[in-house]
PDB file of all heavy atoms in Angstrom:
ATOM      1  N   ASP A   1       0.855  -1.167   0.010  1.00  0.00           N
ATOM      2  CA  ASP A   1      -0.003  -0.014   0.017  1.00  0.00           C
ATOM      3  C   ASP A   1       0.896   1.236   0.002  1.00  0.00           C
ATOM      4  O   ASP A   1       2.091   1.155   0.238  1.00  0.00           O
ATOM      5  CB  ASP A   1      -0.915   0.005   1.229  1.00  0.00           C
ATOM      6  CG  ASP A   1      -1.903  -1.167   1.199  1.00  0.00           C
ATOM      7  OD1 ASP A   1      -2.130  -1.763   0.121  1.00  0.00           O
ATOM      8  OD2 ASP A   1      -2.440  -1.488   2.257  1.00  0.00           O
ATOM      9  N   TYR A   2       0.301   2.400  -0.271  1.00  0.00           N
ATOM     10  CA  TYR A   2       1.190   3.560  -0.364  1.00  0.00           C
ATOM     11  C   TYR A   2       0.405   4.866  -0.062  1.00  0.00           C
ATOM     12  O   TYR A   2      -0.826   4.892  -0.030  1.00  0.00           O
ATOM     13  CB  TYR A   2       1.845   3.647  -1.729  1.00  0.00           C
ATOM     14  CG  TYR A   2       0.889   3.742  -2.915  1.00  0.00           C
ATOM     15  CD1 TYR A   2       0.387   4.987  -3.354  1.00  0.00           C
ATOM     16  CD2 TYR A   2       0.524   2.604  -3.639  1.00  0.00           C
ATOM     17  CE1 TYR A   2      -0.459   5.082  -4.431  1.00  0.00           C
ATOM     18  CE2 TYR A   2      -0.330   2.700  -4.733  1.00  0.00           C
ATOM     19  CZ  TYR A   2      -0.806   3.951  -5.149  1.00  0.00           C
ATOM     20  OH  TYR A   2      -1.643   4.023  -6.206  1.00  0.00           O
ATOM     21  N   MET A   3       1.153   5.929   0.120  1.00  0.00           N
ATOM     22  CA  MET A   3       0.624   7.277   0.068  1.00  0.00           C
ATOM     23  C   MET A   3       1.366   8.049  -1.011  1.00  0.00           C
ATOM     24  O   MET A   3       2.537   7.790  -1.276  1.00  0.00           O
ATOM     25  CB  MET A   3       0.717   7.973   1.427  1.00  0.00           C
ATOM     26  CG  MET A   3       2.094   8.248   1.928  1.00  0.00           C
ATOM     27  SD  MET A   3       2.029   9.182   3.485  1.00  0.00           S
ATOM     28  CE  MET A   3       3.780   9.301   3.844  1.00  0.00           C
ATOM     29  N   THR A   4       0.657   8.980  -1.612  1.00  0.00           N
ATOM     30  CA  THR A   4       1.256   9.733  -2.690  1.00  0.00           C
ATOM     31  C   THR A   4       0.609  11.086  -2.885  1.00  0.00           C
ATOM     32  O   THR A   4      -0.568  11.249  -2.551  1.00  0.00           O
ATOM     33  CB  THR A   4       1.203   8.922  -4.024  1.00  0.00           C
ATOM     34  OG1 THR A   4       2.028   9.519  -5.010  1.00  0.00           O
ATOM     35  CG2 THR A   4      -0.238   8.806  -4.546  1.00  0.00           C
ATOM     36  N   SER A   5       1.382  12.029  -3.411  1.00  0.00           N
ATOM     37  CA  SER A   5       0.763  13.251  -3.904  1.00  0.00           C
ATOM     38  C   SER A   5      -0.030  12.907  -5.144  1.00  0.00           C
ATOM     39  O   SER A   5       0.279  11.960  -5.867  1.00  0.00           O
ATOM     40  CB  SER A   5       1.839  14.312  -4.193  1.00  0.00           C
ATOM     41  OG  SER A   5       2.785  13.785  -5.141  1.00  0.00           O
ATOM     42  N   VAL A   6      -1.063  13.690  -5.387  1.00  0.00           N
ATOM     43  CA  VAL A   6      -2.024  13.352  -6.478  1.00  0.00           C
ATOM     44  C   VAL A   6      -1.955  14.418  -7.547  1.00  0.00           C
ATOM     45  O   VAL A   6      -2.217  15.587  -7.289  1.00  0.00           O
ATOM     46  CB  VAL A   6      -3.448  13.227  -5.933  1.00  0.00           C
ATOM     47  CG1 VAL A   6      -4.395  12.752  -7.051  1.00  0.00           C
ATOM     48  CG2 VAL A   6      -3.514  12.252  -4.778  1.00  0.00           C
ATOM     49  N   GLN A   7      -1.598  14.000  -8.763  1.00  0.00           N
ATOM     50  CA  GLN A   7      -1.510  14.932  -9.870  1.00  0.00           C
ATOM     51  C   GLN A   7      -2.811  14.948 -10.658  1.00  0.00           C
ATOM     52  O   GLN A   7      -3.412  13.906 -10.919  1.00  0.00           O
ATOM     53  CB  GLN A   7      -0.361  14.543 -10.801  1.00  0.00           C
ATOM     54  CG  GLN A   7       1.018  14.561 -10.167  1.00  0.00           C
ATOM     55  CD  GLN A   7       2.107  14.246 -11.167  1.00  0.00           C
ATOM     56  OE1 GLN A   7       1.932  14.336 -12.386  1.00  0.00           O
ATOM     57  NE2 GLN A   7       3.288  13.849 -10.667  1.00  0.00           N
ATOM     58  N   ASP A   8      -3.214  16.121 -11.059  1.00  0.00           N
ATOM     59  CA  ASP A   8      -4.392  16.267 -11.931  1.00  0.00           C
ATOM     60  C   ASP A   8      -4.082  15.551 -13.238  1.00  0.00           C
ATOM     61  O   ASP A   8      -3.117  15.876 -13.930  1.00  0.00           O
ATOM     62  CB  ASP A   8      -4.684  17.761 -12.161  1.00  0.00           C
ATOM     63  CG  ASP A   8      -5.998  17.994 -12.887  1.00  0.00           C
ATOM     64  OD1 ASP A   8      -6.625  17.042 -13.325  1.00  0.00           O
ATOM     65  OD2 ASP A   8      -6.366  19.163 -13.005  1.00  0.00           O
ATOM     66  N   GLY A   9      -4.924  14.565 -13.563  1.00  0.00           N
ATOM     67  CA  GLY A   9      -4.715  13.784 -14.797  1.00  0.00           C
ATOM     68  C   GLY A   9      -3.744  12.621 -14.603  1.00  0.00           C
ATOM     69  O   GLY A   9      -3.505  11.898 -15.593  1.00  0.00           O
ATOM     70  N   GLY A  10      -3.218  12.462 -13.419  1.00  0.00           N
ATOM     71  CA  GLY A  10      -2.234  11.403 -13.217  1.00  0.00           C
ATOM     72  C   GLY A  10      -2.868  10.021 -13.250  1.00  0.00           C
ATOM     73  O   GLY A  10      -4.007   9.820 -12.806  1.00  0.00           O
ATOM     74  N   PHE A  11      -2.098   9.036 -13.786  1.00  0.00           N
ATOM     75  CA  PHE A  11      -2.503   7.637 -13.826  1.00  0.00           C
ATOM     76  C   PHE A  11      -1.516   6.830 -13.008  1.00  0.00           C
ATOM     77  O   PHE A  11      -0.277   6.907 -13.270  1.00  0.00           O
ATOM     78  CB  PHE A  11      -2.603   7.147 -15.261  1.00  0.00           C
ATOM     79  CG  PHE A  11      -2.875   5.661 -15.382  1.00  0.00           C
ATOM     80  CD1 PHE A  11      -4.116   5.157 -15.050  1.00  0.00           C
ATOM     81  CD2 PHE A  11      -1.875   4.782 -15.793  1.00  0.00           C
ATOM     82  CE1 PHE A  11      -4.404   3.791 -15.155  1.00  0.00           C
ATOM     83  CE2 PHE A  11      -2.164   3.414 -15.894  1.00  0.00           C
ATOM     84  CZ  PHE A  11      -3.403   2.911 -15.554  1.00  0.00           C
ATOM     85  N   TYR A  12      -1.994   6.003 -12.071  1.00  0.00           N
ATOM     86  CA  TYR A  12      -1.111   5.318 -11.101  1.00  0.00           C
ATOM     87  C   TYR A  12      -1.044   3.816 -11.285  1.00  0.00           C
ATOM     88  O   TYR A  12      -0.585   3.131 -10.406  1.00  0.00           O
ATOM     89  CB  TYR A  12      -1.550   5.723  -9.702  1.00  0.00           C
ATOM     90  CG  TYR A  12      -1.274   7.206  -9.409  1.00  0.00           C
ATOM     91  CD1 TYR A  12      -2.186   8.153  -9.806  1.00  0.00           C
ATOM     92  CD2 TYR A  12      -0.106   7.626  -8.788  1.00  0.00           C
ATOM     93  CE1 TYR A  12      -1.950   9.528  -9.597  1.00  0.00           C
ATOM     94  CE2 TYR A  12       0.154   8.956  -8.565  1.00  0.00           C
ATOM     95  CZ  TYR A  12      -0.765   9.919  -8.992  1.00  0.00           C
ATOM     96  OH  TYR A  12      -0.533  11.239  -8.773  1.00  0.00           O
ATOM     97  N   GLY A  13      -1.527   3.315 -12.423  1.00  0.00           N
ATOM     98  CA  GLY A  13      -1.206   1.953 -12.783  1.00  0.00           C
ATOM     99  C   GLY A  13      -2.328   0.941 -12.752  1.00  0.00           C
ATOM    100  O   GLY A  13      -2.351   0.008 -13.562  1.00  0.00           O
ATOM    101  N   TRP A  14      -3.254   1.026 -11.752  1.00  0.00           N
ATOM    102  CA  TRP A  14      -4.254  -0.016 -11.611  1.00  0.00           C
ATOM    103  C   TRP A  14      -5.171  -0.044 -12.811  1.00  0.00           C
ATOM    104  O   TRP A  14      -5.619   0.971 -13.288  1.00  0.00           O
ATOM    105  CB  TRP A  14      -5.102   0.217 -10.359  1.00  0.00           C
ATOM    106  CG  TRP A  14      -6.027  -0.923 -10.063  1.00  0.00           C
ATOM    107  CD1 TRP A  14      -5.775  -2.007  -9.288  1.00  0.00           C
ATOM    108  CD2 TRP A  14      -7.346  -1.105 -10.555  1.00  0.00           C
ATOM    109  NE1 TRP A  14      -6.829  -2.889  -9.281  1.00  0.00           N
ATOM    110  CE2 TRP A  14      -7.831  -2.340 -10.059  1.00  0.00           C
ATOM    111  CE3 TRP A  14      -8.194  -0.376 -11.384  1.00  0.00           C
ATOM    112  CZ2 TRP A  14      -9.102  -2.843 -10.331  1.00  0.00           C
ATOM    113  CZ3 TRP A  14      -9.466  -0.838 -11.680  1.00  0.00           C
ATOM    114  CH2 TRP A  14      -9.904  -2.080 -11.169  1.00  0.00           C
ATOM    115  N   PRO A  15      -5.588  -1.251 -13.299  1.00  0.00           N
ATOM    116  CA  PRO A  15      -5.163  -2.590 -12.829  1.00  0.00           C
ATOM    117  C   PRO A  15      -3.939  -3.141 -13.548  1.00  0.00           C
ATOM    118  O   PRO A  15      -3.481  -4.238 -13.219  1.00  0.00           O
ATOM    119  CB  PRO A  15      -6.402  -3.429 -13.193  1.00  0.00           C
ATOM    120  CG  PRO A  15      -6.860  -2.853 -14.467  1.00  0.00           C
ATOM    121  CD  PRO A  15      -6.640  -1.356 -14.323  1.00  0.00           C
ATOM    122  N   TYR A  16      -3.423  -2.402 -14.526  1.00  0.00           N
ATOM    123  CA  TYR A  16      -2.451  -2.995 -15.447  1.00  0.00           C
ATOM    124  C   TYR A  16      -1.050  -3.129 -14.842  1.00  0.00           C
ATOM    125  O   TYR A  16      -0.284  -3.988 -15.287  1.00  0.00           O
ATOM    126  CB  TYR A  16      -2.411  -2.173 -16.730  1.00  0.00           C
ATOM    127  CG  TYR A  16      -3.759  -2.007 -17.351  1.00  0.00           C
ATOM    128  CD1 TYR A  16      -4.453  -0.789 -17.250  1.00  0.00           C
ATOM    129  CD2 TYR A  16      -4.392  -3.064 -17.997  1.00  0.00           C
ATOM    130  CE1 TYR A  16      -5.708  -0.633 -17.789  1.00  0.00           C
ATOM    131  CE2 TYR A  16      -5.636  -2.944 -18.521  1.00  0.00           C
ATOM    132  CZ  TYR A  16      -6.299  -1.717 -18.433  1.00  0.00           C
ATOM    133  OH  TYR A  16      -7.591  -1.602 -18.965  1.00  0.00           O
ATOM    134  N   SER A  17      -0.727  -2.305 -13.855  1.00  0.00           N
ATOM    135  CA  SER A  17       0.593  -2.418 -13.253  1.00  0.00           C
ATOM    136  C   SER A  17       0.527  -1.929 -11.843  1.00  0.00           C
ATOM    137  O   SER A  17      -0.480  -1.319 -11.398  1.00  0.00           O
ATOM    138  CB  SER A  17       1.613  -1.539 -14.032  1.00  0.00           C
ATOM    139  OG  SER A  17       1.342  -0.163 -13.897  1.00  0.00           O
ATOM    140  N   TYR A  18       1.570  -2.249 -11.073  1.00  0.00           N
ATOM    141  CA  TYR A  18       1.619  -1.792  -9.685  1.00  0.00           C
ATOM    142  C   TYR A  18       2.974  -1.124  -9.426  1.00  0.00           C
ATOM    143  O   TYR A  18       3.987  -1.404 -10.087  1.00  0.00           O
ATOM    144  CB  TYR A  18       1.413  -2.956  -8.701  1.00  0.00           C
ATOM    145  CG  TYR A  18       2.378  -4.126  -8.823  1.00  0.00           C
ATOM    146  CD1 TYR A  18       3.607  -4.131  -8.186  1.00  0.00           C
ATOM    147  CD2 TYR A  18       2.072  -5.210  -9.619  1.00  0.00           C
ATOM    148  CE1 TYR A  18       4.496  -5.173  -8.288  1.00  0.00           C
ATOM    149  CE2 TYR A  18       2.932  -6.299  -9.760  1.00  0.00           C
ATOM    150  CZ  TYR A  18       4.145  -6.268  -9.078  1.00  0.00           C
ATOM    151  OH  TYR A  18       5.036  -7.331  -9.198  1.00  0.00           O
ATOM    152  N   TYR A  19       2.942  -0.180  -8.510  1.00  0.00           N
ATOM    153  CA  TYR A  19       4.140   0.584  -8.139  1.00  0.00           C
ATOM    154  C   TYR A  19       4.859   1.124  -9.376  1.00  0.00           C
ATOM    155  O   TYR A  19       6.045   0.880  -9.552  1.00  0.00           O
ATOM    156  CB  TYR A  19       5.029  -0.128  -7.192  1.00  0.00           C
ATOM    157  CG  TYR A  19       5.337   0.801  -6.022  1.00  0.00           C
ATOM    158  CD1 TYR A  19       4.468   0.910  -4.959  1.00  0.00           C
ATOM    159  CD2 TYR A  19       6.482   1.614  -6.041  1.00  0.00           C
ATOM    160  CE1 TYR A  19       4.698   1.800  -3.935  1.00  0.00           C
ATOM    161  CE2 TYR A  19       6.707   2.506  -5.037  1.00  0.00           C
ATOM    162  CZ  TYR A  19       5.839   2.618  -3.962  1.00  0.00           C
ATOM    163  OH  TYR A  19       6.041   3.531  -2.956  1.00  0.00           O
ATOM    164  N   GLY A  20       4.113   1.774 -10.238  1.00  0.00           N
ATOM    165  CA  GLY A  20       4.667   2.318 -11.455  1.00  0.00           C
ATOM    166  C   GLY A  20       4.715   1.292 -12.582  1.00  0.00           C
ATOM    167  O   GLY A  20       3.669   0.783 -12.962  1.00  0.00           O
ATOM    168  N   PRO A  21       5.854   0.903 -13.058  1.00  0.00           N
ATOM    169  CA  PRO A  21       5.951   0.126 -14.303  1.00  0.00           C
ATOM    170  C   PRO A  21       5.982  -1.372 -14.135  1.00  0.00           C
ATOM    171  O   PRO A  21       6.535  -2.061 -15.001  1.00  0.00           O
ATOM    172  CB  PRO A  21       7.268   0.650 -14.897  1.00  0.00           C
ATOM    173  CG  PRO A  21       8.135   0.858 -13.694  1.00  0.00           C
ATOM    174  CD  PRO A  21       7.196   1.410 -12.630  1.00  0.00           C
ATOM    175  N   HIS A  22       5.444  -1.917 -13.025  1.00  0.00           N
ATOM    176  CA  HIS A  22       5.507  -3.371 -12.856  1.00  0.00           C
ATOM    177  C   HIS A  22       4.208  -3.992 -13.301  1.00  0.00           C
ATOM    178  O   HIS A  22       3.166  -3.947 -12.605  1.00  0.00           O
ATOM    179  CB  HIS A  22       5.748  -3.701 -11.353  1.00  0.00           C
ATOM    180  CG  HIS A  22       7.055  -3.141 -10.838  1.00  0.00           C
ATOM    181  ND1 HIS A  22       7.178  -1.830 -10.374  1.00  0.00           N
ATOM    182  CD2 HIS A  22       8.280  -3.700 -10.758  1.00  0.00           C
ATOM    183  CE1 HIS A  22       8.437  -1.637 -10.015  1.00  0.00           C
ATOM    184  NE2 HIS A  22       9.128  -2.758 -10.228  1.00  0.00           N
ATOM    185  N   PRO A  23       4.203  -4.635 -14.469  1.00  0.00           N
ATOM    186  CA  PRO A  23       2.954  -5.179 -15.025  1.00  0.00           C
ATOM    187  C   PRO A  23       2.369  -6.293 -14.183  1.00  0.00           C
ATOM    188  O   PRO A  23       3.118  -7.062 -13.573  1.00  0.00           O
ATOM    189  CB  PRO A  23       3.369  -5.729 -16.404  1.00  0.00           C
ATOM    190  CG  PRO A  23       4.696  -5.093 -16.685  1.00  0.00           C
ATOM    191  CD  PRO A  23       5.338  -4.850 -15.376  1.00  0.00           C
ATOM    192  N   ASP A  24       1.051  -6.353 -14.139  1.00  0.00           N
ATOM    193  CA  ASP A  24       0.351  -7.484 -13.475  1.00  0.00           C
ATOM    194  C   ASP A  24      -0.112  -8.413 -14.583  1.00  0.00           C
ATOM    195  O   ASP A  24      -1.014  -8.101 -15.335  1.00  0.00           O
ATOM    196  CB  ASP A  24      -0.828  -6.961 -12.711  1.00  0.00           C
ATOM    197  CG  ASP A  24      -1.446  -8.031 -11.799  1.00  0.00           C
ATOM    198  OD1 ASP A  24      -1.371  -9.211 -12.156  1.00  0.00           O
ATOM    199  OD2 ASP A  24      -2.012  -7.683 -10.730  1.00  0.00           O
ATOM    200  N   ALA A  25       0.569  -9.574 -14.665  1.00  0.00           N
ATOM    201  CA  ALA A  25       0.307 -10.499 -15.794  1.00  0.00           C
ATOM    202  C   ALA A  25      -1.051 -11.088 -15.742  1.00  0.00           C
ATOM    203  O   ALA A  25      -1.542 -11.667 -16.720  1.00  0.00           O
ATOM    204  CB  ALA A  25       1.368 -11.608 -15.757  1.00  0.00           C
ATOM    205  N   ARG A  26      -1.769 -10.981 -14.608  1.00  0.00           N
ATOM    206  CA  ARG A  26      -3.127 -11.561 -14.498  1.00  0.00           C
ATOM    207  C   ARG A  26      -4.185 -10.765 -15.262  1.00  0.00           C
ATOM    208  O   ARG A  26      -5.234 -11.293 -15.579  1.00  0.00           O
ATOM    209  CB  ARG A  26      -3.526 -11.630 -13.028  1.00  0.00           C
ATOM    210  CG  ARG A  26      -2.631 -12.475 -12.154  1.00  0.00           C
ATOM    211  CD  ARG A  26      -2.988 -12.334 -10.673  1.00  0.00           C
ATOM    212  NE  ARG A  26      -2.819 -10.967 -10.203  1.00  0.00           N
ATOM    213  CZ  ARG A  26      -3.193 -10.518  -9.028  1.00  0.00           C
ATOM    214  NH1 ARG A  26      -3.792 -11.344  -8.185  1.00  0.00           N
ATOM    215  NH2 ARG A  26      -2.964  -9.273  -8.663  1.00  0.00           N
ATOM    216  N   VAL A  27      -3.897  -9.500 -15.547  1.00  0.00           N
ATOM    217  CA  VAL A  27      -4.897  -8.618 -16.142  1.00  0.00           C
ATOM    218  C   VAL A  27      -4.909  -8.828 -17.662  1.00  0.00           C
ATOM    219  O   VAL A  27      -3.858  -8.764 -18.319  1.00  0.00           O
ATOM    220  CB  VAL A  27      -4.584  -7.166 -15.828  1.00  0.00           C
ATOM    221  CG1 VAL A  27      -5.638  -6.234 -16.438  1.00  0.00           C
ATOM    222  CG2 VAL A  27      -4.517  -6.944 -14.323  1.00  0.00           C
ATOM    223  N   LYS A  28      -6.110  -9.082 -18.175  1.00  0.00           N
ATOM    224  CA  LYS A  28      -6.280  -9.278 -19.605  1.00  0.00           C
ATOM    225  C   LYS A  28      -7.357  -8.338 -20.118  1.00  0.00           C
ATOM    226  O   LYS A  28      -8.421  -8.224 -19.487  1.00  0.00           O
ATOM    227  CB  LYS A  28      -6.707 -10.761 -19.932  1.00  0.00           C
ATOM    228  CG  LYS A  28      -5.790 -11.782 -19.353  1.00  0.00           C
ATOM    229  CD  LYS A  28      -4.360 -11.718 -19.931  1.00  0.00           C
ATOM    230  CE  LYS A  28      -3.459 -12.807 -19.337  1.00  0.00           C
ATOM    231  NZ  LYS A  28      -2.062 -12.710 -19.805  1.00  0.00           N
ATOM    232  N   PRO A  29      -7.105  -7.666 -21.255  1.00  0.00           N
ATOM    233  CA  PRO A  29      -5.880  -7.631 -22.030  1.00  0.00           C
ATOM    234  C   PRO A  29      -4.821  -6.754 -21.330  1.00  0.00           C
ATOM    235  O   PRO A  29      -5.169  -5.897 -20.534  1.00  0.00           O
ATOM    236  CB  PRO A  29      -6.289  -7.048 -23.369  1.00  0.00           C
ATOM    237  CG  PRO A  29      -7.422  -6.125 -23.005  1.00  0.00           C
ATOM    238  CD  PRO A  29      -8.164  -6.792 -21.896  1.00  0.00           C
ATOM    239  N   GLN A  30      -3.577  -6.980 -21.700  1.00  0.00           N
ATOM    240  CA  GLN A  30      -2.485  -6.127 -21.199  1.00  0.00           C
ATOM    241  C   GLN A  30      -2.535  -4.759 -21.896  1.00  0.00           C
ATOM    242  O   GLN A  30      -3.012  -4.632 -23.017  1.00  0.00           O
ATOM    243  CB  GLN A  30      -1.156  -6.789 -21.457  1.00  0.00           C
ATOM    244  CG  GLN A  30      -0.932  -8.061 -20.660  1.00  0.00           C
ATOM    245  CD  GLN A  30      -0.479  -7.794 -19.224  1.00  0.00           C
ATOM    246  OE1 GLN A  30       0.643  -7.365 -18.998  1.00  0.00           O
ATOM    247  NE2 GLN A  30      -1.379  -8.036 -18.293  1.00  0.00           N
ATOM    248  N   ARG A  31      -2.080  -3.726 -21.174  1.00  0.00           N
ATOM    249  CA  ARG A  31      -2.048  -2.393 -21.761  1.00  0.00           C
ATOM    250  C   ARG A  31      -0.656  -1.788 -21.520  1.00  0.00           C
ATOM    251  O   ARG A  31      -0.473  -0.928 -20.625  1.00  0.00           O
ATOM    252  CB  ARG A  31      -3.142  -1.516 -21.133  1.00  0.00           C
ATOM    253  CG  ARG A  31      -4.563  -1.880 -21.520  1.00  0.00           C
ATOM    254  CD  ARG A  31      -4.813  -1.553 -22.995  1.00  0.00           C
ATOM    255  NE  ARG A  31      -4.528  -0.158 -23.289  1.00  0.00           N
ATOM    256  CZ  ARG A  31      -5.432   0.846 -23.200  1.00  0.00           C
ATOM    257  NH1 ARG A  31      -6.685   0.569 -22.799  1.00  0.00           N
ATOM    258  NH2 ARG A  31      -5.110   2.082 -23.495  1.00  0.00           N
ATOM    259  N   PRO A  32       0.331  -2.149 -22.312  1.00  0.00           N
ATOM    260  CA  PRO A  32       1.677  -1.591 -22.101  1.00  0.00           C
ATOM    261  C   PRO A  32       1.728  -0.109 -22.318  1.00  0.00           C
ATOM    262  O   PRO A  32       2.579   0.588 -21.742  1.00  0.00           O
ATOM    263  CB  PRO A  32       2.532  -2.351 -23.150  1.00  0.00           C
ATOM    264  CG  PRO A  32       1.553  -2.944 -24.140  1.00  0.00           C
ATOM    265  CD  PRO A  32       0.296  -3.202 -23.365  1.00  0.00           C
ATOM    266  N   ASP A  33       0.823   0.448 -23.108  1.00  0.00           N
ATOM    267  CA  ASP A  33       0.763   1.892 -23.305  1.00  0.00           C
ATOM    268  C   ASP A  33       0.414   2.612 -22.017  1.00  0.00           C
ATOM    269  O   ASP A  33       1.002   3.671 -21.689  1.00  0.00           O
ATOM    270  CB  ASP A  33      -0.235   2.243 -24.412  1.00  0.00           C
ATOM    271  CG  ASP A  33      -1.634   1.720 -24.087  1.00  0.00           C
ATOM    272  OD1 ASP A  33      -1.767   0.620 -23.554  1.00  0.00           O
ATOM    273  OD2 ASP A  33      -2.620   2.401 -24.454  1.00  0.00           O
ATOM    274  N   LEU A  34      -0.521   2.067 -21.238  1.00  0.00           N
ATOM    275  CA  LEU A  34      -0.850   2.677 -19.945  1.00  0.00           C
ATOM    276  C   LEU A  34       0.192   2.385 -18.875  1.00  0.00           C
ATOM    277  O   LEU A  34       0.462   3.247 -18.040  1.00  0.00           O
ATOM    278  CB  LEU A  34      -2.234   2.188 -19.502  1.00  0.00           C
ATOM    279  CG  LEU A  34      -3.428   2.650 -20.338  1.00  0.00           C
ATOM    280  CD1 LEU A  34      -4.727   2.078 -19.802  1.00  0.00           C
ATOM    281  CD2 LEU A  34      -3.461   4.170 -20.402  1.00  0.00           C
ATOM    282  N   VAL A  35       0.813   1.212 -18.922  1.00  0.00           N
ATOM    283  CA  VAL A  35       1.855   0.926 -17.956  1.00  0.00           C
ATOM    284  C   VAL A  35       2.995   1.928 -18.119  1.00  0.00           C
ATOM    285  O   VAL A  35       3.612   2.409 -17.126  1.00  0.00           O
ATOM    286  CB  VAL A  35       2.395  -0.518 -18.183  1.00  0.00           C
ATOM    287  CG1 VAL A  35       3.637  -0.771 -17.342  1.00  0.00           C
ATOM    288  CG2 VAL A  35       1.307  -1.538 -17.864  1.00  0.00           C
ATOM    289  N   ALA A  36       3.293   2.301 -19.347  1.00  0.00           N
ATOM    290  CA  ALA A  36       4.370   3.265 -19.593  1.00  0.00           C
ATOM    291  C   ALA A  36       4.048   4.653 -19.003  1.00  0.00           C
ATOM    292  O   ALA A  36       4.978   5.419 -18.704  1.00  0.00           O
ATOM    293  CB  ALA A  36       4.628   3.395 -21.086  1.00  0.00           C
ATOM    294  N   LYS A  37       2.745   4.930 -18.795  1.00  0.00           N
ATOM    295  CA  LYS A  37       2.338   6.227 -18.248  1.00  0.00           C
ATOM    296  C   LYS A  37       2.242   6.210 -16.733  1.00  0.00           C
ATOM    297  O   LYS A  37       2.087   7.275 -16.121  1.00  0.00           O
ATOM    298  CB  LYS A  37       0.983   6.638 -18.803  1.00  0.00           C
ATOM    299  CG  LYS A  37       0.987   6.939 -20.306  1.00  0.00           C
ATOM    300  CD  LYS A  37      -0.469   7.119 -20.783  1.00  0.00           C
ATOM    301  CE  LYS A  37      -1.236   8.110 -19.957  1.00  0.00           C
ATOM    302  NZ  LYS A  37      -2.595   8.322 -20.479  1.00  0.00           N
ATOM    303  N   ALA A  38       2.289   5.031 -16.130  1.00  0.00           N
ATOM    304  CA  ALA A  38       1.961   4.910 -14.704  1.00  0.00           C
ATOM    305  C   ALA A  38       2.974   5.650 -13.843  1.00  0.00           C
ATOM    306  O   ALA A  38       4.189   5.462 -13.956  1.00  0.00           O
ATOM    307  CB  ALA A  38       1.914   3.436 -14.311  1.00  0.00           C
ATOM    308  N   LEU A  39       2.460   6.514 -12.957  1.00  0.00           N
ATOM    309  CA  LEU A  39       3.304   7.260 -12.042  1.00  0.00           C
ATOM    310  C   LEU A  39       3.720   6.365 -10.875  1.00  0.00           C
ATOM    311  O   LEU A  39       2.914   5.561 -10.355  1.00  0.00           O
ATOM    312  CB  LEU A  39       2.522   8.486 -11.510  1.00  0.00           C
ATOM    313  CG  LEU A  39       2.148   9.500 -12.581  1.00  0.00           C
ATOM    314  CD1 LEU A  39       1.226  10.578 -11.959  1.00  0.00           C
ATOM    315  CD2 LEU A  39       3.373  10.163 -13.236  1.00  0.00           C
ATOM    316  N   VAL A  40       4.924   6.550 -10.398  1.00  0.00           N
ATOM    317  CA  VAL A  40       5.402   5.826  -9.221  1.00  0.00           C
ATOM    318  C   VAL A  40       4.950   6.564  -7.971  1.00  0.00           C
ATOM    319  O   VAL A  40       5.185   7.764  -7.839  1.00  0.00           O
ATOM    320  CB  VAL A  40       6.939   5.721  -9.229  1.00  0.00           C
ATOM    321  CG1 VAL A  40       7.461   4.976  -7.987  1.00  0.00           C
ATOM    322  CG2 VAL A  40       7.419   5.006 -10.495  1.00  0.00           C
ATOM    323  N   PRO A  41       4.294   5.862  -7.044  1.00  0.00           N
ATOM    324  CA  PRO A  41       3.879   6.540  -5.790  1.00  0.00           C
ATOM    325  C   PRO A  41       5.062   7.106  -5.024  1.00  0.00           C
ATOM    326  O   PRO A  41       6.216   6.681  -5.183  1.00  0.00           O
ATOM    327  CB  PRO A  41       3.177   5.411  -4.999  1.00  0.00           C
ATOM    328  CG  PRO A  41       2.847   4.404  -6.024  1.00  0.00           C
ATOM    329  CD  PRO A  41       3.904   4.462  -7.075  1.00  0.00           C
ATOM    330  N   ASP A  42       4.761   8.049  -4.116  1.00  0.00           N
ATOM    331  CA  ASP A  42       5.827   8.732  -3.401  1.00  0.00           C
ATOM    332  C   ASP A  42       6.382   7.906  -2.251  1.00  0.00           C
ATOM    333  O   ASP A  42       7.578   7.976  -1.938  1.00  0.00           O
ATOM    334  CB  ASP A  42       5.296  10.052  -2.830  1.00  0.00           C
ATOM    335  CG  ASP A  42       5.090  11.078  -3.923  1.00  0.00           C
ATOM    336  OD1 ASP A  42       6.092  11.509  -4.542  1.00  0.00           O
ATOM    337  OD2 ASP A  42       3.952  11.495  -4.159  1.00  0.00           O
ATOM    338  N   TYR A  43       5.535   7.092  -1.574  1.00  0.00           N
ATOM    339  CA  TYR A  43       6.001   6.440  -0.322  1.00  0.00           C
ATOM    340  C   TYR A  43       5.197   5.202  -0.068  1.00  0.00           C
ATOM    341  O   TYR A  43       3.954   5.268   0.108  1.00  0.00           O
ATOM    342  CB  TYR A  43       5.869   7.426   0.847  1.00  0.00           C
ATOM    343  CG  TYR A  43       6.675   7.041   2.070  1.00  0.00           C
ATOM    344  CD1 TYR A  43       7.946   7.558   2.268  1.00  0.00           C
ATOM    345  CD2 TYR A  43       6.150   6.182   3.007  1.00  0.00           C
ATOM    346  CE1 TYR A  43       8.690   7.209   3.409  1.00  0.00           C
ATOM    347  CE2 TYR A  43       6.884   5.823   4.139  1.00  0.00           C
ATOM    348  CZ  TYR A  43       8.162   6.343   4.332  1.00  0.00           C
ATOM    349  OH  TYR A  43       8.874   6.027   5.452  1.00  0.00           O
ATOM    350  N   ALA A  44       5.872   4.045   0.002  1.00  0.00           N
ATOM    351  CA  ALA A  44       5.200   2.784   0.274  1.00  0.00           C
ATOM    352  C   ALA A  44       4.943   2.615   1.769  1.00  0.00           C
ATOM    353  O   ALA A  44       5.702   3.075   2.617  1.00  0.00           O
ATOM    354  CB  ALA A  44       6.046   1.621  -0.242  1.00  0.00           C
ATOM    355  N   LEU A  45       3.810   1.903   2.071  1.00  0.00           N
ATOM    356  CA  LEU A  45       3.400   1.758   3.500  1.00  0.00           C
ATOM    357  C   LEU A  45       3.233   0.292   3.881  1.00  0.00           C
ATOM    358  O   LEU A  45       2.521  -0.002   4.820  1.00  0.00           O
ATOM    359  CB  LEU A  45       2.073   2.507   3.676  1.00  0.00           C
ATOM    360  CG  LEU A  45       2.169   4.025   3.569  1.00  0.00           C
ATOM    361  CD1 LEU A  45       0.777   4.674   3.525  1.00  0.00           C
ATOM    362  CD2 LEU A  45       2.961   4.596   4.758  1.00  0.00           C
TER     363      LEU A  45
END
């Protein structure tokens, strides 16, 4: 889990990836285009 500052228009990965660019292989279909946009959270909890 994490806390993060929130950017207007920001995309944080779910469901296609977690903690930024780490893809979740369980999700179908995959969306590498969105994974590439995923912001890394500021602080893990």
